[in-house]
């Protein structure tokens, strides 16, 4: 298995209070790349929110290949958003992208 850091972009289409953003970050914490050597080396933030409502989630997942890693990151993101009370229509996600790869070798 290979560790991937996947960036999942999105947009908050409604005003999202700071408390909801913090809950989202807490729900994503197990996939926080800063907890690994790969994430620390790249100094990645788990959640970045811009003034215009766009955001980026950076998640570390282990997978056999890039496609599976991207799919896993999107599932984690969708689940965390829903668990934080954000409907899919209020925070649509964009296409995921690989930010880092660590094959352990």
PDB file of N, CA and C in Angstrom:
ATOM      1  N   UNK A   1       0.844  -1.186   0.000  1.00  0.00           N
ATOM      2  CA  UNK A   1       0.000   0.000   0.000  1.00  0.00           C
ATOM      3  C   UNK A   1       0.889   1.249   0.000  1.00  0.00           C
ATOM      4  N   UNK A   2       0.375   2.270  -0.595  1.00  0.00           N
ATOM      5  CA  UNK A   2       1.081   3.539  -0.696  1.00  0.00           C
ATOM      6  C   UNK A   2       0.278   4.614   0.023  1.00  0.00           C
ATOM      7  N   UNK A   3       0.976   5.508   0.703  1.00  0.00           N
ATOM      8  CA  UNK A   3       0.315   6.640   1.348  1.00  0.00           C
ATOM      9  C   UNK A   3       0.243   7.793   0.356  1.00  0.00           C
ATOM     10  N   UNK A   4      -0.944   8.330   0.209  1.00  0.00           N
ATOM     11  CA  UNK A   4      -1.175   9.467  -0.684  1.00  0.00           C
ATOM     12  C   UNK A   4      -1.737  10.622   0.131  1.00  0.00           C
ATOM     13  N   UNK A   5      -1.320  11.821  -0.184  1.00  0.00           N
ATOM     14  CA  UNK A   5      -2.006  13.009   0.302  1.00  0.00           C
ATOM     15  C   UNK A   5      -2.827  13.505  -0.872  1.00  0.00           C
ATOM     16  N   UNK A   6      -4.129  13.582  -0.644  1.00  0.00           N
ATOM     17  CA  UNK A   6      -5.075  13.985  -1.684  1.00  0.00           C
ATOM     18  C   UNK A   6      -5.687  15.328  -1.300  1.00  0.00           C
ATOM     19  N   UNK A   7      -5.711  16.257  -2.223  1.00  0.00           N
ATOM     20  CA  UNK A   7      -6.385  17.533  -2.019  1.00  0.00           C
ATOM     21  C   UNK A   7      -7.759  17.443  -2.670  1.00  0.00           C
ATOM     22  N   UNK A   8      -8.775  17.741  -1.866  1.00  0.00           N
ATOM     23  CA  UNK A   8     -10.152  17.744  -2.357  1.00  0.00           C
ATOM     24  C   UNK A   8     -10.672  19.177  -2.229  1.00  0.00           C
ATOM     25  N   UNK A   9     -10.882  19.859  -3.353  1.00  0.00           N
ATOM     26  CA  UNK A   9     -11.401  21.228  -3.298  1.00  0.00           C
ATOM     27  C   UNK A   9     -12.922  21.231  -3.191  1.00  0.00           C
ATOM     28  N   UNK A  10     -13.437  22.353  -2.757  1.00  0.00           N
ATOM     29  CA  UNK A  10     -14.885  22.498  -2.679  1.00  0.00           C
ATOM     30  C   UNK A  10     -15.243  23.957  -2.478  1.00  0.00           C
ATOM     31  N   UNK A  11     -16.554  24.190  -2.382  1.00  0.00           N
ATOM     32  CA  UNK A  11     -17.056  25.541  -2.170  1.00  0.00           C
ATOM     33  C   UNK A  11     -18.215  25.500  -1.194  1.00  0.00           C
ATOM     34  N   UNK A  12     -18.126  26.335  -0.158  1.00  0.00           N
ATOM     35  CA  UNK A  12     -19.261  26.514   0.743  1.00  0.00           C
ATOM     36  C   UNK A  12     -20.193  27.510   0.068  1.00  0.00           C
ATOM     37  N   UNK A  13     -21.388  27.063  -0.279  1.00  0.00           N
ATOM     38  CA  UNK A  13     -22.349  27.936  -0.963  1.00  0.00           C
ATOM     39  C   UNK A  13     -23.244  28.687   0.010  1.00  0.00           C
ATOM     40  N   UNK A  14     -23.134  28.339   1.283  1.00  0.00           N
ATOM     41  CA  UNK A  14     -23.856  29.047   2.334  1.00  0.00           C
ATOM     42  C   UNK A  14     -22.836  29.484   3.376  1.00  0.00           C
ATOM     43  N   UNK A  15     -23.241  30.388   4.244  1.00  0.00           N
ATOM     44  CA  UNK A  15     -22.350  30.811   5.317  1.00  0.00           C
ATOM     45  C   UNK A  15     -22.173  29.643   6.284  1.00  0.00           C
ATOM     46  N   UNK A  16     -20.931  29.291   6.551  1.00  0.00           N
ATOM     47  CA  UNK A  16     -20.624  28.178   7.444  1.00  0.00           C
ATOM     48  C   UNK A  16     -19.967  28.748   8.694  1.00  0.00           C
ATOM     49  N   UNK A  17     -20.671  28.663   9.825  1.00  0.00           N
ATOM     50  CA  UNK A  17     -20.111  29.209  11.068  1.00  0.00           C
ATOM     51  C   UNK A  17     -18.798  28.536  11.460  1.00  0.00           C
ATOM     52  N   UNK A  18     -17.993  29.252  12.208  1.00  0.00           N
ATOM     53  CA  UNK A  18     -16.691  28.739  12.652  1.00  0.00           C
ATOM     54  C   UNK A  18     -16.848  27.429  13.418  1.00  0.00           C
ATOM     55  N   UNK A  19     -17.904  27.293  14.208  1.00  0.00           N
ATOM     56  CA  UNK A  19     -18.113  26.066  14.982  1.00  0.00           C
ATOM     57  C   UNK A  19     -18.310  24.862  14.068  1.00  0.00           C
ATOM     58  N   UNK A  20     -18.986  25.051  12.942  1.00  0.00           N
ATOM     59  CA  UNK A  20     -19.204  23.957  11.983  1.00  0.00           C
ATOM     60  C   UNK A  20     -17.884  23.621  11.287  1.00  0.00           C
ATOM     61  N   UNK A  21     -17.111  24.631  10.968  1.00  0.00           N
ATOM     62  CA  UNK A  21     -15.796  24.390  10.355  1.00  0.00           C
ATOM     63  C   UNK A  21     -14.902  23.600  11.305  1.00  0.00           C
ATOM     64  N   UNK A  22     -14.951  23.954  12.586  1.00  0.00           N
ATOM     65  CA  UNK A  22     -14.142  23.234  13.575  1.00  0.00           C
ATOM     66  C   UNK A  22     -14.624  21.792  13.710  1.00  0.00           C
ATOM     67  N   UNK A  23     -15.930  21.583  13.696  1.00  0.00           N
ATOM     68  CA  UNK A  23     -16.446  20.208  13.756  1.00  0.00           C
ATOM     69  C   UNK A  23     -15.998  19.412  12.534  1.00  0.00           C
ATOM     70  N   UNK A  24     -16.038  20.037  11.367  1.00  0.00           N
ATOM     71  CA  UNK A  24     -15.564  19.381  10.150  1.00  0.00           C
ATOM     72  C   UNK A  24     -14.101  18.974  10.296  1.00  0.00           C
ATOM     73  N   UNK A  25     -13.276  19.883  10.775  1.00  0.00           N
ATOM     74  CA  UNK A  25     -11.859  19.583  10.962  1.00  0.00           C
ATOM     75  C   UNK A  25     -11.673  18.435  11.954  1.00  0.00           C
ATOM     76  N   UNK A  26     -12.451  18.415  13.019  1.00  0.00           N
ATOM     77  CA  UNK A  26     -12.347  17.330  14.003  1.00  0.00           C
ATOM     78  C   UNK A  26     -12.712  15.993  13.382  1.00  0.00           C
ATOM     79  N   UNK A  27     -13.731  15.976  12.547  1.00  0.00           N
ATOM     80  CA  UNK A  27     -14.156  14.728  11.908  1.00  0.00           C
ATOM     81  C   UNK A  27     -13.131  14.238  10.880  1.00  0.00           C
ATOM     82  N   UNK A  28     -12.354  15.165  10.330  1.00  0.00           N
ATOM     83  CA  UNK A  28     -11.324  14.805   9.352  1.00  0.00           C
ATOM     84  C   UNK A  28      -9.984  14.471  10.012  1.00  0.00           C
ATOM     85  N   UNK A  29      -9.838  14.768  11.284  1.00  0.00           N
ATOM     86  CA  UNK A  29      -8.549  14.639  11.970  1.00  0.00           C
ATOM     87  C   UNK A  29      -7.858  13.285  11.771  1.00  0.00           C
ATOM     88  N   UNK A  30      -8.564  12.142  11.749  1.00  0.00           N
ATOM     89  CA  UNK A  30      -7.851  10.875  11.540  1.00  0.00           C
ATOM     90  C   UNK A  30      -7.111  10.790  10.197  1.00  0.00           C
ATOM     91  N   UNK A  31      -7.531  11.577   9.225  1.00  0.00           N
ATOM     92  CA  UNK A  31      -6.881  11.568   7.912  1.00  0.00           C
ATOM     93  C   UNK A  31      -5.959  12.776   7.721  1.00  0.00           C
ATOM     94  N   UNK A  32      -5.647  13.472   8.820  1.00  0.00           N
ATOM     95  CA  UNK A  32      -4.819  14.672   8.753  1.00  0.00           C
ATOM     96  C   UNK A  32      -3.402  14.306   8.319  1.00  0.00           C
ATOM     97  N   UNK A  33      -2.917  14.835   7.211  1.00  0.00           N
ATOM     98  CA  UNK A  33      -1.581  14.473   6.739  1.00  0.00           C
ATOM     99  C   UNK A  33      -0.459  14.971   7.647  1.00  0.00           C
ATOM    100  N   UNK A  34      -0.723  15.946   8.485  1.00  0.00           N
ATOM    101  CA  UNK A  34       0.328  16.463   9.358  1.00  0.00           C
ATOM    102  C   UNK A  34       0.759  15.417  10.382  1.00  0.00           C
ATOM    103  N   UNK A  35      -0.043  14.386  10.563  1.00  0.00           N
ATOM    104  CA  UNK A  35       0.291  13.326  11.502  1.00  0.00           C
ATOM    105  C   UNK A  35       1.333  12.361  10.937  1.00  0.00           C
ATOM    106  N   UNK A  36       1.696  12.516   9.673  1.00  0.00           N
ATOM    107  CA  UNK A  36       2.667  11.610   9.040  1.00  0.00           C
ATOM    108  C   UNK A  36       3.909  12.372   8.617  1.00  0.00           C
ATOM    109  N   UNK A  37       4.957  11.628   8.317  1.00  0.00           N
ATOM    110  CA  UNK A  37       6.191  12.250   7.828  1.00  0.00           C
ATOM    111  C   UNK A  37       5.942  13.006   6.523  1.00  0.00           C
ATOM    112  N   UNK A  38       5.122  12.422   5.656  1.00  0.00           N
ATOM    113  CA  UNK A  38       4.832  13.053   4.366  1.00  0.00           C
ATOM    114  C   UNK A  38       4.150  14.405   4.571  1.00  0.00           C
ATOM    115  N   UNK A  39       3.145  14.452   5.406  1.00  0.00           N
ATOM    116  CA  UNK A  39       2.429  15.696   5.660  1.00  0.00           C
ATOM    117  C   UNK A  39       3.265  16.732   6.374  1.00  0.00           C
ATOM    118  N   UNK A  40       4.083  16.292   7.323  1.00  0.00           N
ATOM    119  CA  UNK A  40       4.953  17.225   8.038  1.00  0.00           C
ATOM    120  C   UNK A  40       5.974  17.844   7.092  1.00  0.00           C
ATOM    121  N   UNK A  41       6.512  17.045   6.215  1.00  0.00           N
ATOM    122  CA  UNK A  41       7.516  17.546   5.271  1.00  0.00           C
ATOM    123  C   UNK A  41       6.928  18.608   4.352  1.00  0.00           C
ATOM    124  N   UNK A  42       5.671  18.459   4.002  1.00  0.00           N
ATOM    125  CA  UNK A  42       5.031  19.407   3.088  1.00  0.00           C
ATOM    126  C   UNK A  42       4.311  20.536   3.822  1.00  0.00           C
ATOM    127  N   UNK A  43       4.264  20.472   5.157  1.00  0.00           N
ATOM    128  CA  UNK A  43       3.599  21.486   5.978  1.00  0.00           C
ATOM    129  C   UNK A  43       2.181  21.773   5.486  1.00  0.00           C
ATOM    130  N   UNK A  44       1.394  20.722   5.392  1.00  0.00           N
ATOM    131  CA  UNK A  44       0.040  20.835   4.857  1.00  0.00           C
ATOM    132  C   UNK A  44      -0.982  21.112   5.955  1.00  0.00           C
ATOM    133  N   UNK A  45      -1.952  21.939   5.645  1.00  0.00           N
ATOM    134  CA  UNK A  45      -3.081  22.163   6.537  1.00  0.00           C
ATOM    135  C   UNK A  45      -4.206  21.227   6.135  1.00  0.00           C
ATOM    136  N   UNK A  46      -4.905  20.702   7.121  1.00  0.00           N
ATOM    137  CA  UNK A  46      -6.020  19.800   6.878  1.00  0.00           C
ATOM    138  C   UNK A  46      -7.161  20.503   6.140  1.00  0.00           C
ATOM    139  N   UNK A  47      -7.502  21.701   6.587  1.00  0.00           N
ATOM    140  CA  UNK A  47      -8.618  22.457   6.011  1.00  0.00           C
ATOM    141  C   UNK A  47      -8.180  23.897   5.812  1.00  0.00           C
ATOM    142  N   UNK A  48      -8.318  24.373   4.580  1.00  0.00           N
ATOM    143  CA  UNK A  48      -8.060  25.773   4.264  1.00  0.00           C
ATOM    144  C   UNK A  48      -9.339  26.344   3.671  1.00  0.00           C
ATOM    145  N   UNK A  49      -9.799  27.458   4.248  1.00  0.00           N
ATOM    146  CA  UNK A  49     -11.008  28.113   3.742  1.00  0.00           C
ATOM    147  C   UNK A  49     -10.643  29.529   3.326  1.00  0.00           C
ATOM    148  N   UNK A  50     -11.022  29.871   2.105  1.00  0.00           N
ATOM    149  CA  UNK A  50     -10.752  31.211   1.571  1.00  0.00           C
ATOM    150  C   UNK A  50     -11.944  32.133   1.809  1.00  0.00           C
ATOM    151  N   UNK A  51     -11.711  33.430   1.682  1.00  0.00           N
ATOM    152  CA  UNK A  51     -12.765  34.425   1.923  1.00  0.00           C
ATOM    153  C   UNK A  51     -13.963  34.254   1.000  1.00  0.00           C
ATOM    154  N   UNK A  52     -13.739  33.715  -0.198  1.00  0.00           N
ATOM    155  CA  UNK A  52     -14.840  33.563  -1.154  1.00  0.00           C
ATOM    156  C   UNK A  52     -15.635  32.267  -0.944  1.00  0.00           C
ATOM    157  N   UNK A  53     -15.308  31.519   0.112  1.00  0.00           N
ATOM    158  CA  UNK A  53     -16.048  30.295   0.408  1.00  0.00           C
ATOM    159  C   UNK A  53     -15.453  29.041  -0.193  1.00  0.00           C
ATOM    160  N   UNK A  54     -14.446  29.191  -1.043  1.00  0.00           N
ATOM    161  CA  UNK A  54     -13.791  27.992  -1.563  1.00  0.00           C
ATOM    162  C   UNK A  54     -12.929  27.396  -0.448  1.00  0.00           C
ATOM    163  N   UNK A  55     -12.740  26.091  -0.521  1.00  0.00           N
ATOM    164  CA  UNK A  55     -11.935  25.439   0.505  1.00  0.00           C
ATOM    165  C   UNK A  55     -11.167  24.273  -0.104  1.00  0.00           C
ATOM    166  N   UNK A  56     -10.153  23.838   0.623  1.00  0.00           N
ATOM    167  CA  UNK A  56      -9.372  22.654   0.254  1.00  0.00           C
ATOM    168  C   UNK A  56      -9.233  21.774   1.478  1.00  0.00           C
ATOM    169  N   UNK A  57      -9.491  20.501   1.289  1.00  0.00           N
ATOM    170  CA  UNK A  57      -9.242  19.494   2.308  1.00  0.00           C
ATOM    171  C   UNK A  57      -8.024  18.716   1.856  1.00  0.00           C
ATOM    172  N   UNK A  58      -7.076  18.510   2.745  1.00  0.00           N
ATOM    173  CA  UNK A  58      -5.895  17.701   2.427  1.00  0.00           C
ATOM    174  C   UNK A  58      -5.914  16.485   3.329  1.00  0.00           C
ATOM    175  N   UNK A  59      -6.078  15.341   2.719  1.00  0.00           N
ATOM    176  CA  UNK A  59      -6.291  14.101   3.459  1.00  0.00           C
ATOM    177  C   UNK A  59      -5.251  13.070   3.075  1.00  0.00           C
ATOM    178  N   UNK A  60      -4.768  12.340   4.069  1.00  0.00           N
ATOM    179  CA  UNK A  60      -3.844  11.254   3.781  1.00  0.00           C
ATOM    180  C   UNK A  60      -4.606   9.942   3.832  1.00  0.00           C
ATOM    181  N   UNK A  61      -4.456   9.156   2.783  1.00  0.00           N
ATOM    182  CA  UNK A  61      -5.093   7.840   2.705  1.00  0.00           C
ATOM    183  C   UNK A  61      -4.076   6.837   2.191  1.00  0.00           C
ATOM    184  N   UNK A  62      -4.279   5.592   2.565  1.00  0.00           N
ATOM    185  CA  UNK A  62      -3.456   4.520   2.018  1.00  0.00           C
ATOM    186  C   UNK A  62      -4.292   3.760   1.008  1.00  0.00           C
ATOM    187  N   UNK A  63      -3.694   3.498  -0.128  1.00  0.00           N
ATOM    188  CA  UNK A  63      -4.414   2.814  -1.196  1.00  0.00           C
ATOM    189  C   UNK A  63      -3.424   2.130  -2.120  1.00  0.00           C
ATOM    190  N   UNK A  64      -3.959   1.235  -2.929  1.00  0.00           N
ATOM    191  CA  UNK A  64      -3.130   0.492  -3.879  1.00  0.00           C
ATOM    192  C   UNK A  64      -2.689   1.351  -5.054  1.00  0.00           C
ATOM    193  N   UNK A  65      -3.513   2.367  -5.400  1.00  0.00           N
ATOM    194  CA  UNK A  65      -3.160   3.216  -6.534  1.00  0.00           C
ATOM    195  C   UNK A  65      -3.842   4.578  -6.396  1.00  0.00           C
ATOM    196  N   UNK A  66      -3.504   5.458  -7.303  1.00  0.00           N
ATOM    197  CA  UNK A  66      -4.002   6.832  -7.246  1.00  0.00           C
ATOM    198  C   UNK A  66      -5.529   6.897  -7.319  1.00  0.00           C
ATOM    199  N   UNK A  67      -6.122   6.159  -8.207  1.00  0.00           N
ATOM    200  CA  UNK A  67      -7.580   6.199  -8.361  1.00  0.00           C
ATOM    201  C   UNK A  67      -8.290   5.795  -7.078  1.00  0.00           C
ATOM    202  N   UNK A  68      -7.810   4.741  -6.434  1.00  0.00           N
ATOM    203  CA  UNK A  68      -8.427   4.305  -5.180  1.00  0.00           C
ATOM    204  C   UNK A  68      -8.193   5.325  -4.059  1.00  0.00           C
ATOM    205  N   UNK A  69      -7.026   5.956  -4.066  1.00  0.00           N
ATOM    206  CA  UNK A  69      -6.727   6.978  -3.064  1.00  0.00           C
ATOM    207  C   UNK A  69      -7.657   8.180  -3.222  1.00  0.00           C
ATOM    208  N   UNK A  70      -7.837   8.623  -4.456  1.00  0.00           N
ATOM    209  CA  UNK A  70      -8.724   9.761  -4.702  1.00  0.00           C
ATOM    210  C   UNK A  70     -10.160   9.425  -4.310  1.00  0.00           C
ATOM    211  N   UNK A  71     -10.625   8.232  -4.650  1.00  0.00           N
ATOM    212  CA  UNK A  71     -11.986   7.824  -4.301  1.00  0.00           C
ATOM    213  C   UNK A  71     -12.163   7.753  -2.782  1.00  0.00           C
ATOM    214  N   UNK A  72     -11.166   7.229  -2.089  1.00  0.00           N
ATOM    215  CA  UNK A  72     -11.240   7.133  -0.628  1.00  0.00           C
ATOM    216  C   UNK A  72     -11.278   8.524   0.001  1.00  0.00           C
ATOM    217  N   UNK A  73     -10.468   9.452  -0.508  1.00  0.00           N
ATOM    218  CA  UNK A  73     -10.447  10.806   0.032  1.00  0.00           C
ATOM    219  C   UNK A  73     -11.796  11.497  -0.164  1.00  0.00           C
ATOM    220  N   UNK A  74     -12.402  11.306  -1.314  1.00  0.00           N
ATOM    221  CA  UNK A  74     -13.714  11.908  -1.567  1.00  0.00           C
ATOM    222  C   UNK A  74     -14.758  11.311  -0.613  1.00  0.00           C
ATOM    223  N   UNK A  75     -14.715  10.001  -0.398  1.00  0.00           N
ATOM    224  CA  UNK A  75     -15.657   9.375   0.560  1.00  0.00           C
ATOM    225  C   UNK A  75     -15.477   9.943   1.961  1.00  0.00           C
ATOM    226  N   UNK A  76     -14.233  10.091   2.395  1.00  0.00           N
ATOM    227  CA  UNK A  76     -13.961  10.659   3.725  1.00  0.00           C
ATOM    228  C   UNK A  76     -14.489  12.082   3.805  1.00  0.00           C
ATOM    229  N   UNK A  77     -14.217  12.874   2.773  1.00  0.00           N
ATOM    230  CA  UNK A  77     -14.666  14.263   2.747  1.00  0.00           C
ATOM    231  C   UNK A  77     -16.189  14.356   2.775  1.00  0.00           C
ATOM    232  N   UNK A  78     -16.856  13.586   1.937  1.00  0.00           N
ATOM    233  CA  UNK A  78     -18.324  13.622   1.887  1.00  0.00           C
ATOM    234  C   UNK A  78     -18.923  13.219   3.229  1.00  0.00           C
ATOM    235  N   UNK A  79     -18.379  12.193   3.838  1.00  0.00           N
ATOM    236  CA  UNK A  79     -18.880  11.724   5.127  1.00  0.00           C
ATOM    237  C   UNK A  79     -18.683  12.778   6.214  1.00  0.00           C
ATOM    238  N   UNK A  80     -17.507  13.379   6.263  1.00  0.00           N
ATOM    239  CA  UNK A  80     -17.226  14.394   7.273  1.00  0.00           C
ATOM    240  C   UNK A  80     -18.118  15.617   7.096  1.00  0.00           C
ATOM    241  N   UNK A  81     -18.319  16.042   5.857  1.00  0.00           N
ATOM    242  CA  UNK A  81     -19.202  17.182   5.594  1.00  0.00           C
ATOM    243  C   UNK A  81     -20.620  16.874   6.054  1.00  0.00           C
ATOM    244  N   UNK A  82     -21.111  15.701   5.709  1.00  0.00           N
ATOM    245  CA  UNK A  82     -22.472  15.307   6.113  1.00  0.00           C
ATOM    246  C   UNK A  82     -22.579  15.213   7.638  1.00  0.00           C
ATOM    247  N   UNK A  83     -21.584  14.609   8.272  1.00  0.00           N
ATOM    248  CA  UNK A  83     -21.605  14.471   9.727  1.00  0.00           C
ATOM    249  C   UNK A  83     -21.528  15.818  10.436  1.00  0.00           C
ATOM    250  N   UNK A  84     -20.930  16.801   9.784  1.00  0.00           N
ATOM    251  CA  UNK A  84     -20.857  18.151  10.346  1.00  0.00           C
ATOM    252  C   UNK A  84     -22.121  18.950  10.054  1.00  0.00           C
ATOM    253  N   UNK A  85     -23.081  18.332   9.358  1.00  0.00           N
ATOM    254  CA  UNK A  85     -24.359  18.982   9.100  1.00  0.00           C
ATOM    255  C   UNK A  85     -24.432  19.762   7.807  1.00  0.00           C
ATOM    256  N   UNK A  86     -23.485  19.535   6.918  1.00  0.00           N
ATOM    257  CA  UNK A  86     -23.487  20.250   5.641  1.00  0.00           C
ATOM    258  C   UNK A  86     -24.020  19.347   4.534  1.00  0.00           C
ATOM    259  N   UNK A  87     -25.084  19.790   3.898  1.00  0.00           N
ATOM    260  CA  UNK A  87     -25.664  19.034   2.791  1.00  0.00           C
ATOM    261  C   UNK A  87     -24.753  19.154   1.567  1.00  0.00           C
ATOM    262  N   UNK A  88     -24.791  18.140   0.718  1.00  0.00           N
ATOM    263  CA  UNK A  88     -23.961  18.132  -0.483  1.00  0.00           C
ATOM    264  C   UNK A  88     -24.190  19.375  -1.334  1.00  0.00           C
ATOM    265  N   UNK A  89     -25.421  19.844  -1.391  1.00  0.00           N
ATOM    266  CA  UNK A  89     -25.723  21.025  -2.209  1.00  0.00           C
ATOM    267  C   UNK A  89     -25.152  22.315  -1.605  1.00  0.00           C
ATOM    268  N   UNK A  90     -24.829  22.291  -0.294  1.00  0.00           N
ATOM    269  CA  UNK A  90     -24.275  23.467   0.375  1.00  0.00           C
ATOM    270  C   UNK A  90     -22.751  23.512   0.329  1.00  0.00           C
ATOM    271  N   UNK A  91     -22.119  22.376   0.005  1.00  0.00           N
ATOM    272  CA  UNK A  91     -20.655  22.315  -0.031  1.00  0.00           C
ATOM    273  C   UNK A  91     -20.213  21.308  -1.088  1.00  0.00           C
ATOM    274  N   UNK A  92     -20.483  21.618  -2.371  1.00  0.00           N
ATOM    275  CA  UNK A  92     -20.082  20.678  -3.425  1.00  0.00           C
ATOM    276  C   UNK A  92     -18.557  20.566  -3.516  1.00  0.00           C
ATOM    277  N   UNK A  93     -18.127  19.374  -3.864  1.00  0.00           N
ATOM    278  CA  UNK A  93     -16.691  19.094  -3.990  1.00  0.00           C
ATOM    279  C   UNK A  93     -16.264  19.110  -5.451  1.00  0.00           C
ATOM    280  N   UNK A  94     -15.031  19.476  -5.666  1.00  0.00           N
ATOM    281  CA  UNK A  94     -14.438  19.434  -6.995  1.00  0.00           C
ATOM    282  C   UNK A  94     -13.637  18.161  -7.153  1.00  0.00           C
ATOM    283  N   UNK A  95     -12.945  18.028  -8.261  1.00  0.00           N
ATOM    284  CA  UNK A  95     -12.160  16.816  -8.509  1.00  0.00           C
ATOM    285  C   UNK A  95     -10.934  16.753  -7.595  1.00  0.00           C
ATOM    286  N   UNK A  96     -10.675  15.581  -7.019  1.00  0.00           N
ATOM    287  CA  UNK A  96      -9.508  15.424  -6.144  1.00  0.00           C
ATOM    288  C   UNK A  96      -8.215  15.394  -6.950  1.00  0.00           C
ATOM    289  N   UNK A  97      -7.123  15.723  -6.271  1.00  0.00           N
ATOM    290  CA  UNK A  97      -5.801  15.699  -6.926  1.00  0.00           C
ATOM    291  C   UNK A  97      -4.760  15.196  -5.929  1.00  0.00           C
ATOM    292  N   UNK A  98      -3.787  14.472  -6.425  1.00  0.00           N
ATOM    293  CA  UNK A  98      -2.699  13.982  -5.581  1.00  0.00           C
ATOM    294  C   UNK A  98      -1.775  15.155  -5.247  1.00  0.00           C
ATOM    295  N   UNK A  99      -1.520  15.324  -3.955  1.00  0.00           N
ATOM    296  CA  UNK A  99      -0.613  16.370  -3.481  1.00  0.00           C
ATOM    297  C   UNK A  99       0.738  15.766  -3.108  1.00  0.00           C
ATOM    298  N   UNK A 100       0.729  14.480  -2.689  1.00  0.00           N
ATOM    299  CA  UNK A 100       1.971  13.825  -2.301  1.00  0.00           C
ATOM    300  C   UNK A 100       1.827  12.325  -2.332  1.00  0.00           C
ATOM    301  N   UNK A 101       2.946  11.637  -2.499  1.00  0.00           N
ATOM    302  CA  UNK A 101       2.966  10.174  -2.528  1.00  0.00           C
ATOM    303  C   UNK A 101       4.165   9.705  -1.717  1.00  0.00           C
ATOM    304  N   UNK A 102       3.938   8.705  -0.856  1.00  0.00           N
ATOM    305  CA  UNK A 102       5.023   8.085  -0.097  1.00  0.00           C
ATOM    306  C   UNK A 102       4.853   6.585  -0.189  1.00  0.00           C
ATOM    307  N   UNK A 103       5.695   5.950  -1.001  1.00  0.00           N
ATOM    308  CA  UNK A 103       5.587   4.513  -1.190  1.00  0.00           C
ATOM    309  C   UNK A 103       6.354   3.744  -0.128  1.00  0.00           C
ATOM    310  N   UNK A 104       6.933   4.458   0.824  1.00  0.00           N
ATOM    311  CA  UNK A 104       7.629   3.810   1.917  1.00  0.00           C
ATOM    312  C   UNK A 104       9.019   3.311   1.570  1.00  0.00           C
ATOM    313  N   UNK A 105       9.456   3.545   0.382  1.00  0.00           N
ATOM    314  CA  UNK A 105      10.748   3.037  -0.025  1.00  0.00           C
ATOM    315  C   UNK A 105      11.715   4.102  -0.163  1.00  0.00           C
TER     316      UNK A 105
END
